[in-house]
């Protein structure tokens, strides 16, 4: 129970913090491009909404502008491959019907250089 209380508190503090940084909204066809910013002015997250639901590719960045994740949504549902960068690791999560179908972890030393 204590874990749920802490998780709820973190969730609400994150929402409150996000509300302090007003996002930039732009109409792009039938989509709304939304960009959130860190306090230092760098992009925190950007992606699209369609009919009030998450749509297409969403990208998150750390305060230094390094990519943290790339996510895909279709009609508000998690779909396709999501990528998460963590140091020298890349986690690839495959979603199907908003549920995790598979997870792969790649390490930098396993990448082939051309």
PDB file of N, CA and C in Angstrom:
ATOM      1  N   UNK A   1       0.826  -1.190   0.000  1.00  0.00           N
ATOM      2  CA  UNK A   1       0.000   0.000   0.000  1.00  0.00           C
ATOM      3  C   UNK A   1       0.870   1.253   0.000  1.00  0.00           C
ATOM      4  N   UNK A   2       1.953   1.192   0.763  1.00  0.00           N
ATOM      5  CA  UNK A   2       2.850   2.344   0.848  1.00  0.00           C
ATOM      6  C   UNK A   2       3.432   2.674  -0.525  1.00  0.00           C
ATOM      7  N   UNK A   3       3.744   1.636  -1.315  1.00  0.00           N
ATOM      8  CA  UNK A   3       4.280   1.847  -2.663  1.00  0.00           C
ATOM      9  C   UNK A   3       3.282   2.598  -3.531  1.00  0.00           C
ATOM     10  N   UNK A   4       1.992   2.248  -3.418  1.00  0.00           N
ATOM     11  CA  UNK A   4       0.971   2.900  -4.219  1.00  0.00           C
ATOM     12  C   UNK A   4       0.813   4.369  -3.833  1.00  0.00           C
ATOM     13  N   UNK A   5       0.925   4.664  -2.555  1.00  0.00           N
ATOM     14  CA  UNK A   5       0.823   6.050  -2.099  1.00  0.00           C
ATOM     15  C   UNK A   5       1.992   6.862  -2.633  1.00  0.00           C
ATOM     16  N   UNK A   6       3.193   6.302  -2.564  1.00  0.00           N
ATOM     17  CA  UNK A   6       4.378   7.006  -3.076  1.00  0.00           C
ATOM     18  C   UNK A   6       4.261   7.192  -4.587  1.00  0.00           C
ATOM     19  N   UNK A   7       3.839   6.156  -5.303  1.00  0.00           N
ATOM     20  CA  UNK A   7       3.684   6.240  -6.746  1.00  0.00           C
ATOM     21  C   UNK A   7       2.654   7.304  -7.124  1.00  0.00           C
ATOM     22  N   UNK A   8       1.545   7.351  -6.401  1.00  0.00           N
ATOM     23  CA  UNK A   8       0.516   8.355  -6.657  1.00  0.00           C
ATOM     24  C   UNK A   8       1.043   9.761  -6.403  1.00  0.00           C
ATOM     25  N   UNK A   9       1.800   9.923  -5.321  1.00  0.00           N
ATOM     26  CA  UNK A   9       2.374  11.235  -5.013  1.00  0.00           C
ATOM     27  C   UNK A   9       3.343  11.673  -6.106  1.00  0.00           C
ATOM     28  N   UNK A  10       4.174  10.760  -6.586  1.00  0.00           N
ATOM     29  CA  UNK A  10       5.107  11.088  -7.661  1.00  0.00           C
ATOM     30  C   UNK A  10       4.371  11.443  -8.944  1.00  0.00           C
ATOM     31  N   UNK A  11       3.313  10.705  -9.237  1.00  0.00           N
ATOM     32  CA  UNK A  11       2.535  10.960 -10.437  1.00  0.00           C
ATOM     33  C   UNK A  11       1.927  12.357 -10.396  1.00  0.00           C
ATOM     34  N   UNK A  12       1.308  12.709  -9.271  1.00  0.00           N
ATOM     35  CA  UNK A  12       0.688  14.018  -9.160  1.00  0.00           C
ATOM     36  C   UNK A  12       1.712  15.144  -9.142  1.00  0.00           C
ATOM     37  N   UNK A  13       2.872  14.920  -8.528  1.00  0.00           N
ATOM     38  CA  UNK A  13       3.905  15.961  -8.541  1.00  0.00           C
ATOM     39  C   UNK A  13       4.434  16.150  -9.958  1.00  0.00           C
ATOM     40  N   UNK A  14       4.535  15.060 -10.726  1.00  0.00           N
ATOM     41  CA  UNK A  14       4.966  15.161 -12.117  1.00  0.00           C
ATOM     42  C   UNK A  14       3.956  15.918 -12.961  1.00  0.00           C
ATOM     43  N   UNK A  15       2.679  15.663 -12.716  1.00  0.00           N
ATOM     44  CA  UNK A  15       1.630  16.373 -13.452  1.00  0.00           C
ATOM     45  C   UNK A  15       1.646  17.850 -13.084  1.00  0.00           C
ATOM     46  N   UNK A  16       1.797  18.156 -11.813  1.00  0.00           N
ATOM     47  CA  UNK A  16       1.842  19.551 -11.376  1.00  0.00           C
ATOM     48  C   UNK A  16       3.036  20.261 -11.987  1.00  0.00           C
ATOM     49  N   UNK A  17       4.187  19.593 -12.025  1.00  0.00           N
ATOM     50  CA  UNK A  17       5.385  20.190 -12.623  1.00  0.00           C
ATOM     51  C   UNK A  17       5.176  20.427 -14.105  1.00  0.00           C
ATOM     52  N   UNK A  18       4.585  19.459 -14.786  1.00  0.00           N
ATOM     53  CA  UNK A  18       4.364  19.584 -16.221  1.00  0.00           C
ATOM     54  C   UNK A  18       3.423  20.740 -16.530  1.00  0.00           C
ATOM     55  N   UNK A  19       2.473  21.018 -15.624  1.00  0.00           N
ATOM     56  CA  UNK A  19       1.536  22.094 -15.856  1.00  0.00           C
ATOM     57  C   UNK A  19       2.205  23.459 -15.715  1.00  0.00           C
ATOM     58  N   UNK A  20       3.318  23.557 -14.992  1.00  0.00           N
ATOM     59  CA  UNK A  20       4.015  24.818 -14.862  1.00  0.00           C
ATOM     60  C   UNK A  20       4.679  25.216 -16.172  1.00  0.00           C
ATOM     61  N   UNK A  21       5.164  24.262 -16.931  1.00  0.00           N
ATOM     62  CA  UNK A  21       5.781  24.511 -18.234  1.00  0.00           C
ATOM     63  C   UNK A  21       4.702  24.353 -19.294  1.00  0.00           C
ATOM     64  N   UNK A  22       4.155  25.465 -19.765  1.00  0.00           N
ATOM     65  CA  UNK A  22       3.105  25.387 -20.766  1.00  0.00           C
ATOM     66  C   UNK A  22       3.678  24.863 -22.075  1.00  0.00           C
ATOM     67  N   UNK A  23       3.024  23.866 -22.654  1.00  0.00           N
ATOM     68  CA  UNK A  23       3.526  23.317 -23.910  1.00  0.00           C
ATOM     69  C   UNK A  23       3.232  24.247 -25.079  1.00  0.00           C
ATOM     70  N   UNK A  24       4.014  24.080 -26.132  1.00  0.00           N
ATOM     71  CA  UNK A  24       3.780  24.795 -27.382  1.00  0.00           C
ATOM     72  C   UNK A  24       2.895  23.898 -28.232  1.00  0.00           C
ATOM     73  N   UNK A  25       1.810  24.433 -28.753  1.00  0.00           N
ATOM     74  CA  UNK A  25       0.865  23.665 -29.558  1.00  0.00           C
ATOM     75  C   UNK A  25       0.843  24.228 -30.971  1.00  0.00           C
ATOM     76  N   UNK A  26       0.904  23.336 -31.974  1.00  0.00           N
ATOM     77  CA  UNK A  26       0.869  23.742 -33.378  1.00  0.00           C
ATOM     78  C   UNK A  26      -0.062  22.811 -34.143  1.00  0.00           C
ATOM     79  N   UNK A  27      -0.917  23.383 -34.970  1.00  0.00           N
ATOM     80  CA  UNK A  27      -1.780  22.575 -35.826  1.00  0.00           C
ATOM     81  C   UNK A  27      -0.966  22.090 -37.025  1.00  0.00           C
ATOM     82  N   UNK A  28      -1.003  20.780 -37.268  1.00  0.00           N
ATOM     83  CA  UNK A  28      -0.325  20.170 -38.412  1.00  0.00           C
ATOM     84  C   UNK A  28      -1.344  19.237 -39.061  1.00  0.00           C
ATOM     85  N   UNK A  29      -2.055  19.750 -40.049  1.00  0.00           N
ATOM     86  CA  UNK A  29      -3.131  18.967 -40.656  1.00  0.00           C
ATOM     87  C   UNK A  29      -4.207  18.696 -39.619  1.00  0.00           C
ATOM     88  N   UNK A  30      -4.568  17.420 -39.447  1.00  0.00           N
ATOM     89  CA  UNK A  30      -5.581  17.081 -38.446  1.00  0.00           C
ATOM     90  C   UNK A  30      -4.954  16.685 -37.108  1.00  0.00           C
ATOM     91  N   UNK A  31      -3.653  16.956 -36.954  1.00  0.00           N
ATOM     92  CA  UNK A  31      -2.928  16.649 -35.722  1.00  0.00           C
ATOM     93  C   UNK A  31      -2.569  17.941 -34.980  1.00  0.00           C
ATOM     94  N   UNK A  32      -2.283  17.804 -33.700  1.00  0.00           N
ATOM     95  CA  UNK A  32      -1.757  18.911 -32.909  1.00  0.00           C
ATOM     96  C   UNK A  32      -0.377  18.501 -32.419  1.00  0.00           C
ATOM     97  N   UNK A  33       0.661  19.195 -32.934  1.00  0.00           N
ATOM     98  CA  UNK A  33       2.023  18.924 -32.477  1.00  0.00           C
ATOM     99  C   UNK A  33       2.193  19.619 -31.135  1.00  0.00           C
ATOM    100  N   UNK A  34       2.666  18.863 -30.154  1.00  0.00           N
ATOM    101  CA  UNK A  34       2.825  19.376 -28.801  1.00  0.00           C
ATOM    102  C   UNK A  34       4.277  19.240 -28.382  1.00  0.00           C
ATOM    103  N   UNK A  35       4.842  20.338 -27.877  1.00  0.00           N
ATOM    104  CA  UNK A  35       6.227  20.336 -27.429  1.00  0.00           C
ATOM    105  C   UNK A  35       6.289  20.843 -25.997  1.00  0.00           C
ATOM    106  N   UNK A  36       6.859  20.029 -25.109  1.00  0.00           N
ATOM    107  CA  UNK A  36       7.087  20.412 -23.719  1.00  0.00           C
ATOM    108  C   UNK A  36       8.560  20.760 -23.559  1.00  0.00           C
ATOM    109  N   UNK A  37       8.863  21.682 -22.637  1.00  0.00           N
ATOM    110  CA  UNK A  37      10.233  22.154 -22.465  1.00  0.00           C
ATOM    111  C   UNK A  37      10.716  21.960 -21.035  1.00  0.00           C
ATOM    112  N   UNK A  38      12.017  21.711 -20.899  1.00  0.00           N
ATOM    113  CA  UNK A  38      12.665  21.712 -19.586  1.00  0.00           C
ATOM    114  C   UNK A  38      12.786  23.169 -19.131  1.00  0.00           C
ATOM    115  N   UNK A  39      13.072  23.381 -17.872  1.00  0.00           N
ATOM    116  CA  UNK A  39      13.231  24.732 -17.348  1.00  0.00           C
ATOM    117  C   UNK A  39      14.349  25.496 -18.050  1.00  0.00           C
ATOM    118  N   UNK A  40      15.358  24.777 -18.577  1.00  0.00           N
ATOM    119  CA  UNK A  40      16.465  25.441 -19.263  1.00  0.00           C
ATOM    120  C   UNK A  40      16.123  25.813 -20.712  1.00  0.00           C
ATOM    121  N   UNK A  41      14.887  25.545 -21.138  1.00  0.00           N
ATOM    122  CA  UNK A  41      14.442  25.918 -22.471  1.00  0.00           C
ATOM    123  C   UNK A  41      14.610  24.839 -23.523  1.00  0.00           C
ATOM    124  N   UNK A  42      15.327  23.766 -23.198  1.00  0.00           N
ATOM    125  CA  UNK A  42      15.504  22.671 -24.164  1.00  0.00           C
ATOM    126  C   UNK A  42      14.249  21.799 -24.196  1.00  0.00           C
ATOM    127  N   UNK A  43      14.036  21.164 -25.339  1.00  0.00           N
ATOM    128  CA  UNK A  43      12.858  20.317 -25.519  1.00  0.00           C
ATOM    129  C   UNK A  43      12.918  19.130 -24.563  1.00  0.00           C
ATOM    130  N   UNK A  44      11.820  18.900 -23.867  1.00  0.00           N
ATOM    131  CA  UNK A  44      11.696  17.766 -22.958  1.00  0.00           C
ATOM    132  C   UNK A  44      10.999  16.604 -23.660  1.00  0.00           C
ATOM    133  N   UNK A  45       9.934  16.937 -24.405  1.00  0.00           N
ATOM    134  CA  UNK A  45       9.159  15.902 -25.074  1.00  0.00           C
ATOM    135  C   UNK A  45       8.377  16.549 -26.213  1.00  0.00           C
ATOM    136  N   UNK A  46       8.251  15.806 -27.316  1.00  0.00           N
ATOM    137  CA  UNK A  46       7.423  16.307 -28.402  1.00  0.00           C
ATOM    138  C   UNK A  46       6.713  15.156 -29.091  1.00  0.00           C
ATOM    139  N   UNK A  47       5.518  15.455 -29.546  1.00  0.00           N
ATOM    140  CA  UNK A  47       4.727  14.446 -30.223  1.00  0.00           C
ATOM    141  C   UNK A  47       3.414  15.042 -30.685  1.00  0.00           C
ATOM    142  N   UNK A  48       2.484  14.175 -31.036  1.00  0.00           N
ATOM    143  CA  UNK A  48       1.235  14.610 -31.645  1.00  0.00           C
ATOM    144  C   UNK A  48       0.018  14.073 -30.890  1.00  0.00           C
ATOM    145  N   UNK A  49      -1.059  14.831 -31.003  1.00  0.00           N
ATOM    146  CA  UNK A  49      -2.371  14.415 -30.535  1.00  0.00           C
ATOM    147  C   UNK A  49      -3.315  14.441 -31.726  1.00  0.00           C
ATOM    148  N   UNK A  50      -4.257  13.519 -31.722  1.00  0.00           N
ATOM    149  CA  UNK A  50      -5.331  13.518 -32.717  1.00  0.00           C
ATOM    150  C   UNK A  50      -6.618  13.209 -31.975  1.00  0.00           C
ATOM    151  N   UNK A  51      -7.568  14.102 -32.082  1.00  0.00           N
ATOM    152  CA  UNK A  51      -8.846  13.952 -31.377  1.00  0.00           C
ATOM    153  C   UNK A  51      -8.638  13.745 -29.880  1.00  0.00           C
ATOM    154  N   UNK A  52      -7.645  14.447 -29.310  1.00  0.00           N
ATOM    155  CA  UNK A  52      -7.386  14.388 -27.872  1.00  0.00           C
ATOM    156  C   UNK A  52      -6.628  13.161 -27.410  1.00  0.00           C
ATOM    157  N   UNK A  53      -6.181  12.328 -28.350  1.00  0.00           N
ATOM    158  CA  UNK A  53      -5.444  11.109 -27.998  1.00  0.00           C
ATOM    159  C   UNK A  53      -4.035  11.168 -28.573  1.00  0.00           C
ATOM    160  N   UNK A  54      -3.085  10.542 -27.867  1.00  0.00           N
ATOM    161  CA  UNK A  54      -1.716  10.470 -28.365  1.00  0.00           C
ATOM    162  C   UNK A  54      -1.701   9.754 -29.710  1.00  0.00           C
ATOM    163  N   UNK A  55      -0.878  10.297 -30.633  1.00  0.00           N
ATOM    164  CA  UNK A  55      -0.850   9.735 -31.982  1.00  0.00           C
ATOM    165  C   UNK A  55       0.548   9.864 -32.568  1.00  0.00           C
ATOM    166  N   UNK A  56       1.016   8.819 -33.217  1.00  0.00           N
ATOM    167  CA  UNK A  56       2.297   8.871 -33.901  1.00  0.00           C
ATOM    168  C   UNK A  56       3.485   8.774 -32.966  1.00  0.00           C
ATOM    169  N   UNK A  57       4.581   9.373 -33.404  1.00  0.00           N
ATOM    170  CA  UNK A  57       5.852   9.271 -32.676  1.00  0.00           C
ATOM    171  C   UNK A  57       5.965  10.350 -31.608  1.00  0.00           C
ATOM    172  N   UNK A  58       6.361   9.946 -30.408  1.00  0.00           N
ATOM    173  CA  UNK A  58       6.670  10.849 -29.294  1.00  0.00           C
ATOM    174  C   UNK A  58       8.125  10.627 -28.924  1.00  0.00           C
ATOM    175  N   UNK A  59       8.869  11.720 -28.776  1.00  0.00           N
ATOM    176  CA  UNK A  59      10.290  11.644 -28.444  1.00  0.00           C
ATOM    177  C   UNK A  59      10.535  12.420 -27.159  1.00  0.00           C
ATOM    178  N   UNK A  60      11.306  11.818 -26.236  1.00  0.00           N
ATOM    179  CA  UNK A  60      11.668  12.466 -24.975  1.00  0.00           C
ATOM    180  C   UNK A  60      13.165  12.709 -24.934  1.00  0.00           C
ATOM    181  N   UNK A  61      13.560  13.838 -24.306  1.00  0.00           N
ATOM    182  CA  UNK A  61      14.958  14.237 -24.206  1.00  0.00           C
ATOM    183  C   UNK A  61      15.299  14.581 -22.757  1.00  0.00           C
ATOM    184  N   UNK A  62      16.558  14.411 -22.377  1.00  0.00           N
ATOM    185  CA  UNK A  62      16.983  14.848 -21.054  1.00  0.00           C
ATOM    186  C   UNK A  62      17.282  16.349 -21.099  1.00  0.00           C
ATOM    187  N   UNK A  63      17.687  16.930 -19.966  1.00  0.00           N
ATOM    188  CA  UNK A  63      17.918  18.376 -19.879  1.00  0.00           C
ATOM    189  C   UNK A  63      19.070  18.850 -20.757  1.00  0.00           C
ATOM    190  N   UNK A  64      19.930  17.933 -21.195  1.00  0.00           N
ATOM    191  CA  UNK A  64      21.045  18.287 -22.062  1.00  0.00           C
ATOM    192  C   UNK A  64      20.727  18.099 -23.546  1.00  0.00           C
ATOM    193  N   UNK A  65      19.518  17.652 -23.858  1.00  0.00           N
ATOM    194  CA  UNK A  65      19.118  17.450 -25.248  1.00  0.00           C
ATOM    195  C   UNK A  65      19.390  16.063 -25.789  1.00  0.00           C
ATOM    196  N   UNK A  66      19.846  15.144 -24.928  1.00  0.00           N
ATOM    197  CA  UNK A  66      20.089  13.763 -25.365  1.00  0.00           C
ATOM    198  C   UNK A  66      18.770  12.996 -25.408  1.00  0.00           C
ATOM    199  N   UNK A  67      18.608  12.198 -26.458  1.00  0.00           N
ATOM    200  CA  UNK A  67      17.388  11.427 -26.618  1.00  0.00           C
ATOM    201  C   UNK A  67      17.296  10.351 -25.541  1.00  0.00           C
ATOM    202  N   UNK A  68      16.137  10.293 -24.880  1.00  0.00           N
ATOM    203  CA  UNK A  68      15.885   9.275 -23.854  1.00  0.00           C
ATOM    204  C   UNK A  68      14.992   8.159 -24.368  1.00  0.00           C
ATOM    205  N   UNK A  69      13.987   8.529 -25.175  1.00  0.00           N
ATOM    206  CA  UNK A  69      13.064   7.507 -25.655  1.00  0.00           C
ATOM    207  C   UNK A  69      12.352   7.961 -26.922  1.00  0.00           C
ATOM    208  N   UNK A  70      11.907   6.957 -27.685  1.00  0.00           N
ATOM    209  CA  UNK A  70      11.062   7.172 -28.847  1.00  0.00           C
ATOM    210  C   UNK A  70       9.904   6.199 -28.694  1.00  0.00           C
ATOM    211  N   UNK A  71       8.693   6.740 -28.724  1.00  0.00           N
ATOM    212  CA  UNK A  71       7.499   5.929 -28.512  1.00  0.00           C
ATOM    213  C   UNK A  71       6.541   6.092 -29.685  1.00  0.00           C
ATOM    214  N   UNK A  72       5.694   5.107 -29.878  1.00  0.00           N
ATOM    215  CA  UNK A  72       4.688   5.150 -30.944  1.00  0.00           C
ATOM    216  C   UNK A  72       3.296   4.931 -30.351  1.00  0.00           C
ATOM    217  N   UNK A  73       2.370   5.753 -30.817  1.00  0.00           N
ATOM    218  CA  UNK A  73       0.978   5.629 -30.390  1.00  0.00           C
ATOM    219  C   UNK A  73       0.080   5.588 -31.614  1.00  0.00           C
ATOM    220  N   UNK A  74      -1.000   4.856 -31.483  1.00  0.00           N
ATOM    221  CA  UNK A  74      -2.032   4.835 -32.507  1.00  0.00           C
ATOM    222  C   UNK A  74      -3.373   4.931 -31.801  1.00  0.00           C
ATOM    223  N   UNK A  75      -4.045   6.052 -32.010  1.00  0.00           N
ATOM    224  CA  UNK A  75      -5.343   6.291 -31.370  1.00  0.00           C
ATOM    225  C   UNK A  75      -5.258   6.160 -29.845  1.00  0.00           C
ATOM    226  N   UNK A  76      -4.158   6.667 -29.265  1.00  0.00           N
ATOM    227  CA  UNK A  76      -3.981   6.651 -27.822  1.00  0.00           C
ATOM    228  C   UNK A  76      -3.429   5.350 -27.260  1.00  0.00           C
ATOM    229  N   UNK A  77      -3.238   4.359 -28.107  1.00  0.00           N
ATOM    230  CA  UNK A  77      -2.737   3.052 -27.678  1.00  0.00           C
ATOM    231  C   UNK A  77      -1.242   2.922 -27.974  1.00  0.00           C
ATOM    232  N   UNK A  78      -0.502   2.326 -27.052  1.00  0.00           N
ATOM    233  CA  UNK A  78       0.917   2.046 -27.287  1.00  0.00           C
ATOM    234  C   UNK A  78       1.011   0.985 -28.381  1.00  0.00           C
ATOM    235  N   UNK A  79       1.903   1.228 -29.348  1.00  0.00           N
ATOM    236  CA  UNK A  79       2.016   0.293 -30.454  1.00  0.00           C
ATOM    237  C   UNK A  79       3.438   0.278 -31.000  1.00  0.00           C
ATOM    238  N   UNK A  80       3.788  -0.799 -31.644  1.00  0.00           N
ATOM    239  CA  UNK A  80       5.074  -0.895 -32.324  1.00  0.00           C
ATOM    240  C   UNK A  80       6.267  -0.891 -31.399  1.00  0.00           C
ATOM    241  N   UNK A  81       7.420  -0.530 -31.972  1.00  0.00           N
ATOM    242  CA  UNK A  81       8.680  -0.540 -31.221  1.00  0.00           C
ATOM    243  C   UNK A  81       8.884   0.773 -30.488  1.00  0.00           C
ATOM    244  N   UNK A  82       9.230   0.647 -29.230  1.00  0.00           N
ATOM    245  CA  UNK A  82       9.627   1.783 -28.416  1.00  0.00           C
ATOM    246  C   UNK A  82      11.098   1.600 -28.089  1.00  0.00           C
ATOM    247  N   UNK A  83      11.836   2.686 -28.094  1.00  0.00           N
ATOM    248  CA  UNK A  83      13.264   2.638 -27.798  1.00  0.00           C
ATOM    249  C   UNK A  83      13.566   3.490 -26.575  1.00  0.00           C
ATOM    250  N   UNK A  84      14.401   2.953 -25.671  1.00  0.00           N
ATOM    251  CA  UNK A  84      14.801   3.652 -24.453  1.00  0.00           C
ATOM    252  C   UNK A  84      16.317   3.601 -24.337  1.00  0.00           C
ATOM    253  N   UNK A  85      16.964   4.771 -24.283  1.00  0.00           N
ATOM    254  CA  UNK A  85      18.408   4.846 -24.132  1.00  0.00           C
ATOM    255  C   UNK A  85      18.752   5.002 -22.667  1.00  0.00           C
ATOM    256  N   UNK A  86      19.744   4.221 -22.206  1.00  0.00           N
ATOM    257  CA  UNK A  86      20.200   4.290 -20.827  1.00  0.00           C
ATOM    258  C   UNK A  86      21.703   4.024 -20.832  1.00  0.00           C
ATOM    259  N   UNK A  87      22.485   5.110 -20.842  1.00  0.00           N
ATOM    260  CA  UNK A  87      23.939   4.950 -20.903  1.00  0.00           C
ATOM    261  C   UNK A  87      24.336   4.287 -22.204  1.00  0.00           C
ATOM    262  N   UNK A  88      25.052   3.173 -22.110  1.00  0.00           N
ATOM    263  CA  UNK A  88      25.491   2.468 -23.323  1.00  0.00           C
ATOM    264  C   UNK A  88      24.534   1.346 -23.712  1.00  0.00           C
ATOM    265  N   UNK A  89      23.332   1.360 -23.154  1.00  0.00           N
ATOM    266  CA  UNK A  89      22.330   0.342 -23.472  1.00  0.00           C
ATOM    267  C   UNK A  89      21.155   0.960 -24.216  1.00  0.00           C
ATOM    268  N   UNK A  90      20.586   0.169 -25.094  1.00  0.00           N
ATOM    269  CA  UNK A  90      19.368   0.532 -25.791  1.00  0.00           C
ATOM    270  C   UNK A  90      18.362  -0.582 -25.538  1.00  0.00           C
ATOM    271  N   UNK A  91      17.232  -0.226 -24.957  1.00  0.00           N
ATOM    272  CA  UNK A  91      16.169  -1.195 -24.736  1.00  0.00           C
ATOM    273  C   UNK A  91      15.106  -1.001 -25.801  1.00  0.00           C
ATOM    274  N   UNK A  92      14.751  -2.099 -26.439  1.00  0.00           N
ATOM    275  CA  UNK A  92      13.718  -2.089 -27.472  1.00  0.00           C
ATOM    276  C   UNK A  92      12.525  -2.861 -26.937  1.00  0.00           C
ATOM    277  N   UNK A  93      11.396  -2.178 -26.829  1.00  0.00           N
ATOM    278  CA  UNK A  93      10.178  -2.798 -26.312  1.00  0.00           C
ATOM    279  C   UNK A  93       9.146  -2.800 -27.426  1.00  0.00           C
ATOM    280  N   UNK A  94       8.624  -3.957 -27.728  1.00  0.00           N
ATOM    281  CA  UNK A  94       7.600  -4.105 -28.762  1.00  0.00           C
ATOM    282  C   UNK A  94       6.237  -4.162 -28.078  1.00  0.00           C
ATOM    283  N   UNK A  95       5.327  -3.293 -28.505  1.00  0.00           N
ATOM    284  CA  UNK A  95       3.971  -3.257 -27.951  1.00  0.00           C
ATOM    285  C   UNK A  95       2.974  -3.780 -28.957  1.00  0.00           C
ATOM    286  N   UNK A  96       1.980  -4.475 -28.463  1.00  0.00           N
ATOM    287  CA  UNK A  96       0.852  -4.933 -29.250  1.00  0.00           C
ATOM    288  C   UNK A  96      -0.395  -4.769 -28.384  1.00  0.00           C
ATOM    289  N   UNK A  97      -1.374  -4.042 -28.868  1.00  0.00           N
ATOM    290  CA  UNK A  97      -2.595  -3.752 -28.098  1.00  0.00           C
ATOM    291  C   UNK A  97      -2.269  -3.120 -26.749  1.00  0.00           C
ATOM    292  N   UNK A  98      -1.325  -2.192 -26.732  1.00  0.00           N
ATOM    293  CA  UNK A  98      -0.894  -1.468 -25.534  1.00  0.00           C
ATOM    294  C   UNK A  98      -0.284  -2.371 -24.470  1.00  0.00           C
ATOM    295  N   UNK A  99       0.144  -3.566 -24.857  1.00  0.00           N
ATOM    296  CA  UNK A  99       0.788  -4.493 -23.926  1.00  0.00           C
ATOM    297  C   UNK A  99       2.151  -4.884 -24.467  1.00  0.00           C
ATOM    298  N   UNK A 100       3.061  -5.120 -23.558  1.00  0.00           N
ATOM    299  CA  UNK A 100       4.407  -5.498 -23.957  1.00  0.00           C
ATOM    300  C   UNK A 100       4.387  -6.889 -24.582  1.00  0.00           C
ATOM    301  N   UNK A 101       4.880  -6.964 -25.827  1.00  0.00           N
ATOM    302  CA  UNK A 101       4.953  -8.245 -26.525  1.00  0.00           C
ATOM    303  C   UNK A 101       6.348  -8.842 -26.424  1.00  0.00           C
ATOM    304  N   UNK A 102       7.389  -7.974 -26.437  1.00  0.00           N
ATOM    305  CA  UNK A 102       8.761  -8.462 -26.314  1.00  0.00           C
ATOM    306  C   UNK A 102       9.669  -7.319 -25.877  1.00  0.00           C
ATOM    307  N   UNK A 103      10.825  -7.714 -25.308  1.00  0.00           N
ATOM    308  CA  UNK A 103      11.828  -6.747 -24.867  1.00  0.00           C
ATOM    309  C   UNK A 103      13.197  -7.251 -25.296  1.00  0.00           C
ATOM    310  N   UNK A 104      13.992  -6.352 -25.892  1.00  0.00           N
ATOM    311  CA  UNK A 104      15.369  -6.677 -26.261  1.00  0.00           C
ATOM    312  C   UNK A 104      16.262  -5.596 -25.683  1.00  0.00           C
ATOM    313  N   UNK A 105      17.449  -5.989 -25.256  1.00  0.00           N
ATOM    314  CA  UNK A 105      18.428  -5.030 -24.762  1.00  0.00           C
ATOM    315  C   UNK A 105      19.673  -5.126 -25.622  1.00  0.00           C
ATOM    316  N   UNK A 106      20.129  -3.979 -26.102  1.00  0.00           N
ATOM    317  CA  UNK A 106      21.317  -3.899 -26.933  1.00  0.00           C
ATOM    318  C   UNK A 106      22.375  -3.121 -26.170  1.00  0.00           C
ATOM    319  N   UNK A 107      23.610  -3.583 -26.222  1.00  0.00           N
ATOM    320  CA  UNK A 107      24.724  -2.868 -25.604  1.00  0.00           C
ATOM    321  C   UNK A 107      25.568  -2.264 -26.700  1.00  0.00           C
ATOM    322  N   UNK A 108      26.206  -1.141 -26.405  1.00  0.00           N
ATOM    323  CA  UNK A 108      26.978  -0.422 -27.413  1.00  0.00           C
ATOM    324  C   UNK A 108      28.066  -1.295 -28.031  1.00  0.00           C
ATOM    325  N   UNK A 109      28.711  -2.135 -27.239  1.00  0.00           N
ATOM    326  CA  UNK A 109      29.773  -2.984 -27.787  1.00  0.00           C
ATOM    327  C   UNK A 109      29.261  -4.073 -28.723  1.00  0.00           C
ATOM    328  N   UNK A 110      27.939  -4.279 -28.766  1.00  0.00           N
ATOM    329  CA  UNK A 110      27.354  -5.280 -29.652  1.00  0.00           C
ATOM    330  C   UNK A 110      27.001  -4.693 -31.012  1.00  0.00           C
ATOM    331  N   UNK A 111      27.084  -3.388 -31.161  1.00  0.00           N
ATOM    332  CA  UNK A 111      26.732  -2.735 -32.416  1.00  0.00           C
ATOM    333  C   UNK A 111      27.849  -2.905 -33.428  1.00  0.00           C
ATOM    334  N   UNK A 112      27.461  -3.069 -34.664  1.00  0.00           N
ATOM    335  CA  UNK A 112      28.427  -3.216 -35.746  1.00  0.00           C
ATOM    336  C   UNK A 112      28.683  -1.843 -36.352  1.00  0.00           C
ATOM    337  N   UNK A 113      29.952  -1.477 -36.472  1.00  0.00           N
ATOM    338  CA  UNK A 113      30.306  -0.196 -37.080  1.00  0.00           C
ATOM    339  C   UNK A 113      30.668  -0.406 -38.541  1.00  0.00           C
ATOM    340  N   UNK A 114      30.195   0.456 -39.397  1.00  0.00           N
ATOM    341  CA  UNK A 114      30.528   0.395 -40.827  1.00  0.00           C
ATOM    342  C   UNK A 114      31.574   1.417 -41.161  1.00  0.00           C
TER     343      UNK A 114
END
